[in-house]
N, C-alpha and C. Protein backbone atom coordinates (compact mmCIF):
# COMPACT_ATOMS: atom_id res chain seq x y z
N MET A 1 -15.17 -2.34 -33.09
CA MET A 1 -15.16 -1.21 -33.98
C MET A 1 -14.26 -0.10 -33.44
N PHE A 2 -14.38 0.20 -32.16
CA PHE A 2 -13.58 1.27 -31.59
C PHE A 2 -12.37 0.75 -30.82
N GLY A 3 -12.19 -0.55 -30.76
CA GLY A 3 -11.05 -1.10 -30.05
C GLY A 3 -11.29 -1.16 -28.55
N ASN A 4 -10.24 -1.40 -27.85
CA ASN A 4 -10.31 -1.56 -26.40
C ASN A 4 -10.35 -0.19 -25.72
N SER A 5 -11.39 0.05 -24.93
CA SER A 5 -11.52 1.34 -24.24
C SER A 5 -10.73 1.37 -22.94
N ARG A 6 -10.20 0.27 -22.51
CA ARG A 6 -9.47 0.21 -21.24
C ARG A 6 -8.23 1.11 -21.21
N PRO A 7 -7.45 1.21 -22.29
CA PRO A 7 -6.30 2.11 -22.21
C PRO A 7 -6.71 3.54 -21.88
N GLY A 8 -7.81 4.01 -22.44
CA GLY A 8 -8.29 5.36 -22.13
C GLY A 8 -8.70 5.48 -20.67
N ALA A 9 -9.41 4.47 -20.18
CA ALA A 9 -9.84 4.48 -18.78
C ALA A 9 -8.62 4.40 -17.86
N ASN A 10 -7.67 3.57 -18.23
CA ASN A 10 -6.45 3.45 -17.42
C ASN A 10 -5.65 4.74 -17.41
N ALA A 11 -5.58 5.41 -18.55
CA ALA A 11 -4.87 6.69 -18.62
C ALA A 11 -5.56 7.73 -17.75
N TYR A 12 -6.89 7.75 -17.80
CA TYR A 12 -7.65 8.70 -16.98
C TYR A 12 -7.44 8.41 -15.50
N ARG A 13 -7.50 7.14 -15.13
CA ARG A 13 -7.30 6.75 -13.75
C ARG A 13 -5.89 7.15 -13.28
N GLN A 14 -4.88 6.92 -14.11
CA GLN A 14 -3.51 7.29 -13.75
C GLN A 14 -3.37 8.80 -13.62
N MET A 15 -4.01 9.56 -14.50
CA MET A 15 -3.97 11.01 -14.43
C MET A 15 -4.60 11.48 -13.12
N SER A 16 -5.70 10.85 -12.73
CA SER A 16 -6.38 11.20 -11.48
C SER A 16 -5.48 10.92 -10.29
N VAL A 17 -4.80 9.77 -10.29
CA VAL A 17 -3.88 9.42 -9.20
C VAL A 17 -2.72 10.41 -9.16
N ASP A 18 -2.17 10.73 -10.33
CA ASP A 18 -1.05 11.68 -10.38
C ASP A 18 -1.47 13.05 -9.84
N THR A 19 -2.67 13.50 -10.21
CA THR A 19 -3.18 14.79 -9.74
C THR A 19 -3.39 14.76 -8.24
N ASP A 20 -3.96 13.67 -7.73
CA ASP A 20 -4.16 13.53 -6.29
C ASP A 20 -2.82 13.58 -5.56
N ALA A 21 -1.82 12.91 -6.10
CA ALA A 21 -0.51 12.88 -5.46
C ALA A 21 0.14 14.26 -5.44
N LEU A 22 -0.03 15.01 -6.52
CA LEU A 22 0.56 16.35 -6.57
C LEU A 22 -0.08 17.29 -5.56
N ALA A 23 -1.37 17.10 -5.30
CA ALA A 23 -2.09 17.98 -4.38
C ALA A 23 -2.02 17.52 -2.93
N ALA A 24 -1.48 16.34 -2.69
CA ALA A 24 -1.50 15.75 -1.35
C ALA A 24 -0.35 16.26 -0.48
N SER A 25 -0.62 16.33 0.81
CA SER A 25 0.42 16.63 1.79
C SER A 25 1.28 15.38 1.97
N PRO A 26 2.45 15.51 2.57
CA PRO A 26 3.27 14.31 2.83
C PRO A 26 2.50 13.26 3.64
N HIS A 27 1.71 13.71 4.59
CA HIS A 27 0.91 12.78 5.40
C HIS A 27 -0.10 12.04 4.52
N GLN A 28 -0.77 12.77 3.62
CA GLN A 28 -1.75 12.15 2.73
C GLN A 28 -1.08 11.20 1.73
N LEU A 29 0.15 11.50 1.33
CA LEU A 29 0.86 10.60 0.42
C LEU A 29 1.08 9.23 1.07
N ILE A 30 1.40 9.22 2.35
CA ILE A 30 1.59 7.95 3.06
C ILE A 30 0.27 7.19 3.11
N VAL A 31 -0.83 7.89 3.36
CA VAL A 31 -2.14 7.25 3.35
C VAL A 31 -2.41 6.64 1.98
N MET A 32 -2.06 7.36 0.93
CA MET A 32 -2.26 6.84 -0.43
C MET A 32 -1.43 5.59 -0.66
N LEU A 33 -0.23 5.54 -0.10
CA LEU A 33 0.60 4.33 -0.22
C LEU A 33 -0.04 3.16 0.51
N PHE A 34 -0.51 3.41 1.73
CA PHE A 34 -1.21 2.34 2.45
C PHE A 34 -2.41 1.85 1.64
N ASP A 35 -3.20 2.79 1.11
CA ASP A 35 -4.38 2.43 0.34
C ASP A 35 -4.01 1.59 -0.88
N GLY A 36 -2.96 1.98 -1.57
CA GLY A 36 -2.53 1.23 -2.75
C GLY A 36 -2.08 -0.18 -2.40
N ALA A 37 -1.33 -0.31 -1.32
CA ALA A 37 -0.87 -1.64 -0.89
C ALA A 37 -2.06 -2.51 -0.48
N LEU A 38 -3.01 -1.93 0.24
CA LEU A 38 -4.18 -2.69 0.67
C LEU A 38 -5.03 -3.12 -0.53
N ARG A 39 -5.18 -2.23 -1.52
CA ARG A 39 -5.93 -2.60 -2.74
C ARG A 39 -5.23 -3.74 -3.47
N ALA A 40 -3.91 -3.67 -3.56
CA ALA A 40 -3.16 -4.73 -4.25
C ALA A 40 -3.32 -6.06 -3.52
N ILE A 41 -3.31 -6.03 -2.20
CA ILE A 41 -3.49 -7.26 -1.43
C ILE A 41 -4.90 -7.80 -1.61
N ASP A 42 -5.89 -6.93 -1.60
CA ASP A 42 -7.27 -7.36 -1.82
C ASP A 42 -7.43 -8.01 -3.20
N THR A 43 -6.80 -7.41 -4.19
CA THR A 43 -6.84 -7.98 -5.54
C THR A 43 -6.15 -9.33 -5.56
N ALA A 44 -5.01 -9.43 -4.89
CA ALA A 44 -4.28 -10.70 -4.83
C ALA A 44 -5.12 -11.78 -4.16
N ARG A 45 -5.87 -11.40 -3.15
CA ARG A 45 -6.72 -12.39 -2.45
C ARG A 45 -7.78 -12.94 -3.41
N THR A 46 -8.40 -12.04 -4.17
CA THR A 46 -9.40 -12.48 -5.15
C THR A 46 -8.75 -13.39 -6.19
N GLN A 47 -7.57 -13.01 -6.64
CA GLN A 47 -6.87 -13.82 -7.64
C GLN A 47 -6.43 -15.16 -7.06
N MET A 48 -6.06 -15.16 -5.78
CA MET A 48 -5.69 -16.40 -5.11
C MET A 48 -6.89 -17.35 -5.08
N GLN A 49 -8.06 -16.81 -4.78
CA GLN A 49 -9.27 -17.62 -4.69
C GLN A 49 -9.69 -18.18 -6.05
N SER A 50 -9.37 -17.45 -7.11
CA SER A 50 -9.75 -17.91 -8.45
C SER A 50 -8.61 -18.63 -9.18
N ASN A 51 -7.54 -18.95 -8.45
CA ASN A 51 -6.38 -19.67 -9.01
C ASN A 51 -5.70 -18.92 -10.14
N ASP A 52 -5.74 -17.61 -10.11
CA ASP A 52 -5.04 -16.78 -11.10
C ASP A 52 -3.62 -16.55 -10.57
N ILE A 53 -2.75 -17.50 -10.83
CA ILE A 53 -1.40 -17.49 -10.27
C ILE A 53 -0.61 -16.29 -10.78
N GLU A 54 -0.69 -16.02 -12.07
CA GLU A 54 0.04 -14.90 -12.65
C GLU A 54 -0.45 -13.56 -12.09
N GLY A 55 -1.76 -13.39 -12.05
CA GLY A 55 -2.33 -12.16 -11.51
C GLY A 55 -1.98 -11.98 -10.05
N ARG A 56 -2.10 -13.06 -9.27
CA ARG A 56 -1.74 -13.01 -7.86
C ARG A 56 -0.29 -12.55 -7.69
N GLY A 57 0.59 -13.09 -8.48
CA GLY A 57 2.00 -12.71 -8.41
C GLY A 57 2.21 -11.24 -8.72
N ARG A 58 1.52 -10.74 -9.74
CA ARG A 58 1.63 -9.32 -10.08
C ARG A 58 1.11 -8.44 -8.96
N SER A 59 -0.03 -8.81 -8.40
CA SER A 59 -0.63 -7.99 -7.34
C SER A 59 0.20 -8.00 -6.08
N ILE A 60 0.71 -9.16 -5.71
CA ILE A 60 1.56 -9.23 -4.52
C ILE A 60 2.86 -8.47 -4.76
N SER A 61 3.41 -8.58 -5.96
CA SER A 61 4.62 -7.82 -6.29
C SER A 61 4.37 -6.32 -6.18
N LYS A 62 3.20 -5.88 -6.61
CA LYS A 62 2.84 -4.46 -6.51
C LYS A 62 2.78 -4.05 -5.05
N ALA A 63 2.15 -4.86 -4.20
CA ALA A 63 2.07 -4.56 -2.77
C ALA A 63 3.47 -4.50 -2.16
N ILE A 64 4.33 -5.44 -2.53
CA ILE A 64 5.70 -5.45 -2.02
C ILE A 64 6.44 -4.19 -2.45
N GLU A 65 6.25 -3.79 -3.69
CA GLU A 65 6.90 -2.58 -4.20
C GLU A 65 6.43 -1.34 -3.43
N ILE A 66 5.15 -1.26 -3.16
CA ILE A 66 4.62 -0.11 -2.44
C ILE A 66 5.18 -0.08 -1.01
N VAL A 67 5.20 -1.22 -0.35
CA VAL A 67 5.70 -1.27 1.02
C VAL A 67 7.20 -1.00 1.06
N GLY A 68 7.95 -1.64 0.16
CA GLY A 68 9.41 -1.53 0.18
C GLY A 68 9.94 -0.22 -0.38
N SER A 69 9.43 0.16 -1.55
CA SER A 69 9.95 1.36 -2.21
C SER A 69 9.16 2.61 -1.90
N GLY A 70 8.01 2.46 -1.27
CA GLY A 70 7.20 3.61 -0.90
C GLY A 70 7.24 3.86 0.59
N LEU A 71 6.58 3.00 1.33
CA LEU A 71 6.46 3.21 2.78
C LEU A 71 7.81 3.12 3.48
N SER A 72 8.53 2.05 3.23
CA SER A 72 9.82 1.86 3.91
C SER A 72 10.83 2.93 3.49
N ALA A 73 10.85 3.25 2.20
CA ALA A 73 11.80 4.24 1.69
C ALA A 73 11.49 5.64 2.21
N SER A 74 10.27 5.88 2.68
CA SER A 74 9.91 7.20 3.19
C SER A 74 10.41 7.44 4.62
N LEU A 75 10.89 6.39 5.26
CA LEU A 75 11.36 6.53 6.64
C LEU A 75 12.69 7.25 6.69
N ASP A 76 12.85 8.12 7.67
CA ASP A 76 14.12 8.78 7.94
C ASP A 76 14.74 8.11 9.16
N LEU A 77 15.57 7.11 8.89
CA LEU A 77 16.12 6.30 9.97
C LEU A 77 17.07 7.09 10.87
N LYS A 78 17.70 8.14 10.33
CA LYS A 78 18.62 8.95 11.15
C LYS A 78 17.86 9.77 12.19
N SER A 79 16.89 10.54 11.74
CA SER A 79 16.20 11.41 12.69
C SER A 79 14.94 10.78 13.27
N GLY A 80 14.50 9.66 12.71
CA GLY A 80 13.29 9.00 13.19
C GLY A 80 13.49 8.14 14.41
N GLY A 81 14.73 7.85 14.72
CA GLY A 81 15.04 7.10 15.93
C GLY A 81 14.40 5.72 15.99
N GLU A 82 14.00 5.37 17.20
CA GLU A 82 13.47 4.04 17.46
C GLU A 82 12.16 3.79 16.71
N LEU A 83 11.33 4.82 16.60
CA LEU A 83 10.06 4.66 15.89
C LEU A 83 10.29 4.28 14.43
N ALA A 84 11.18 4.99 13.77
CA ALA A 84 11.47 4.69 12.37
C ALA A 84 12.07 3.29 12.23
N ALA A 85 12.95 2.91 13.15
CA ALA A 85 13.55 1.57 13.11
C ALA A 85 12.48 0.49 13.30
N ASN A 86 11.55 0.73 14.21
CA ASN A 86 10.47 -0.23 14.44
C ASN A 86 9.56 -0.35 13.21
N LEU A 87 9.25 0.78 12.60
CA LEU A 87 8.43 0.75 11.39
C LEU A 87 9.16 0.01 10.26
N ALA A 88 10.46 0.24 10.13
CA ALA A 88 11.24 -0.46 9.10
C ALA A 88 11.16 -1.97 9.32
N SER A 89 11.25 -2.40 10.57
CA SER A 89 11.15 -3.83 10.89
C SER A 89 9.76 -4.37 10.55
N LEU A 90 8.74 -3.59 10.87
CA LEU A 90 7.38 -4.02 10.54
C LEU A 90 7.17 -4.12 9.03
N TYR A 91 7.68 -3.15 8.30
CA TYR A 91 7.56 -3.20 6.84
C TYR A 91 8.30 -4.41 6.28
N ASP A 92 9.49 -4.70 6.81
CA ASP A 92 10.23 -5.89 6.37
C ASP A 92 9.44 -7.16 6.65
N TYR A 93 8.81 -7.22 7.82
CA TYR A 93 8.00 -8.38 8.17
C TYR A 93 6.82 -8.53 7.21
N VAL A 94 6.14 -7.43 6.92
CA VAL A 94 5.01 -7.46 5.98
C VAL A 94 5.48 -7.98 4.62
N ILE A 95 6.61 -7.50 4.17
CA ILE A 95 7.15 -7.96 2.88
C ILE A 95 7.42 -9.45 2.92
N ARG A 96 8.01 -9.94 4.01
CA ARG A 96 8.27 -11.38 4.12
C ARG A 96 6.96 -12.18 4.09
N GLN A 97 5.92 -11.67 4.75
CA GLN A 97 4.63 -12.36 4.73
C GLN A 97 4.05 -12.40 3.32
N LEU A 98 4.20 -11.30 2.60
CA LEU A 98 3.70 -11.25 1.22
C LEU A 98 4.46 -12.22 0.32
N VAL A 99 5.76 -12.30 0.49
CA VAL A 99 6.57 -13.24 -0.30
C VAL A 99 6.12 -14.67 0.00
N GLU A 100 5.98 -14.99 1.28
CA GLU A 100 5.54 -16.33 1.68
C GLU A 100 4.14 -16.63 1.14
N ALA A 101 3.25 -15.65 1.20
CA ALA A 101 1.89 -15.84 0.67
C ALA A 101 1.94 -16.19 -0.80
N ASN A 102 2.79 -15.53 -1.54
CA ASN A 102 2.90 -15.79 -2.97
C ASN A 102 3.55 -17.14 -3.24
N LEU A 103 4.63 -17.43 -2.55
CA LEU A 103 5.35 -18.69 -2.79
C LEU A 103 4.51 -19.92 -2.47
N HIS A 104 3.73 -19.83 -1.41
CA HIS A 104 3.00 -21.01 -0.91
C HIS A 104 1.48 -20.89 -1.08
N ASN A 105 1.04 -19.88 -1.83
CA ASN A 105 -0.40 -19.67 -2.04
C ASN A 105 -1.12 -19.68 -0.68
N ASP A 106 -0.58 -18.92 0.25
CA ASP A 106 -1.02 -18.96 1.65
C ASP A 106 -1.87 -17.73 1.97
N SER A 107 -3.17 -17.93 2.04
CA SER A 107 -4.08 -16.81 2.31
C SER A 107 -3.92 -16.28 3.73
N ASP A 108 -3.49 -17.12 4.67
CA ASP A 108 -3.28 -16.65 6.05
C ASP A 108 -2.16 -15.62 6.11
N LYS A 109 -1.08 -15.85 5.37
CA LYS A 109 0.04 -14.90 5.32
C LYS A 109 -0.41 -13.60 4.66
N LEU A 110 -1.21 -13.73 3.62
CA LEU A 110 -1.73 -12.55 2.93
C LEU A 110 -2.62 -11.74 3.88
N ASP A 111 -3.47 -12.44 4.62
CA ASP A 111 -4.37 -11.77 5.57
C ASP A 111 -3.58 -11.09 6.69
N GLU A 112 -2.53 -11.75 7.16
CA GLU A 112 -1.72 -11.15 8.22
C GLU A 112 -1.05 -9.87 7.75
N ALA A 113 -0.50 -9.90 6.55
CA ALA A 113 0.13 -8.69 5.99
C ALA A 113 -0.91 -7.58 5.85
N ARG A 114 -2.10 -7.93 5.38
CA ARG A 114 -3.15 -6.94 5.21
C ARG A 114 -3.57 -6.33 6.54
N GLN A 115 -3.76 -7.18 7.53
CA GLN A 115 -4.18 -6.70 8.85
C GLN A 115 -3.15 -5.75 9.45
N MET A 116 -1.87 -6.09 9.30
CA MET A 116 -0.83 -5.22 9.84
C MET A 116 -0.83 -3.87 9.15
N LEU A 117 -0.91 -3.88 7.82
CA LEU A 117 -0.92 -2.61 7.08
C LEU A 117 -2.17 -1.80 7.39
N ALA A 118 -3.31 -2.47 7.52
CA ALA A 118 -4.55 -1.76 7.83
C ALA A 118 -4.45 -1.09 9.20
N GLN A 119 -3.86 -1.79 10.18
CA GLN A 119 -3.71 -1.19 11.51
C GLN A 119 -2.72 -0.03 11.48
N MET A 120 -1.64 -0.17 10.73
CA MET A 120 -0.68 0.93 10.62
C MET A 120 -1.35 2.14 9.95
N ARG A 121 -2.21 1.89 8.98
CA ARG A 121 -2.94 2.98 8.32
C ARG A 121 -3.83 3.71 9.31
N VAL A 122 -4.57 2.95 10.13
CA VAL A 122 -5.43 3.55 11.16
C VAL A 122 -4.60 4.41 12.10
N ASN A 123 -3.47 3.87 12.53
CA ASN A 123 -2.59 4.62 13.44
C ASN A 123 -2.05 5.89 12.77
N TRP A 124 -1.70 5.78 11.51
CA TRP A 124 -1.18 6.94 10.77
C TRP A 124 -2.25 8.02 10.64
N LEU A 125 -3.48 7.60 10.37
CA LEU A 125 -4.58 8.56 10.29
C LEU A 125 -4.81 9.24 11.63
N ALA A 126 -4.68 8.50 12.71
CA ALA A 126 -4.86 9.08 14.05
C ALA A 126 -3.78 10.13 14.33
N ILE A 127 -2.57 9.85 13.92
CA ILE A 127 -1.48 10.81 14.08
C ILE A 127 -1.79 12.08 13.29
N GLY A 128 -2.28 11.91 12.08
CA GLY A 128 -2.60 13.05 11.23
C GLY A 128 -3.71 13.91 11.79
N SER A 129 -4.72 13.27 12.39
CA SER A 129 -5.83 14.05 12.94
C SER A 129 -5.37 14.87 14.16
N GLN A 130 -4.34 14.40 14.83
CA GLN A 130 -3.81 15.16 15.97
C GLN A 130 -2.94 16.33 15.50
N ALA A 131 -2.33 16.17 14.33
CA ALA A 131 -1.41 17.19 13.83
C ALA A 131 -2.13 18.34 13.13
N VAL A 132 -3.37 18.10 12.65
CA VAL A 132 -4.11 19.13 11.94
C VAL A 132 -5.08 19.80 12.90
N PRO A 133 -4.98 21.12 13.09
CA PRO A 133 -5.92 21.81 13.98
C PRO A 133 -7.34 21.68 13.46
N HIS A 134 -8.31 21.67 14.40
CA HIS A 134 -9.72 21.58 14.01
C HIS A 134 -10.09 22.78 13.14
N GLY A 135 -10.84 22.49 12.09
CA GLY A 135 -11.28 23.57 11.21
C GLY A 135 -10.30 23.85 10.09
N ALA A 136 -9.07 23.31 10.18
CA ALA A 136 -8.08 23.54 9.13
C ALA A 136 -8.29 22.52 8.02
N ALA A 137 -7.92 22.86 6.83
CA ALA A 137 -8.02 21.94 5.71
C ALA A 137 -6.97 20.87 5.86
N ALA A 138 -7.37 19.63 5.61
CA ALA A 138 -6.43 18.50 5.72
C ALA A 138 -5.76 18.25 4.41
């Protein structure tokens, strides 16, 4: 009678993400990128287990896009020096693992990519907690 309510929910969810992104610090934006990539990988894992090949491909592609066009693109290779170069290499490796996971329906490759991103997220959060003085708003 009222049609599909999902477009409204999806629009609300997107508005919430957009608002969060506008209010976020550069450090928080990177955390949001990690979170998005990890969610996409988790979704891909569920789709892999249920033999949803098309869905798995979309979710892995989303994770690749976030890592390649979000995390990797945020690096300043000129002023970031060796650290930025090392992160770029790690992001490239994660992307290769995701591609392999999709091509070969390989949950081990998917898990490896997820574990690497999760550890980088933890490290990024640790850096942020050191940069924000105690009692200051994050």
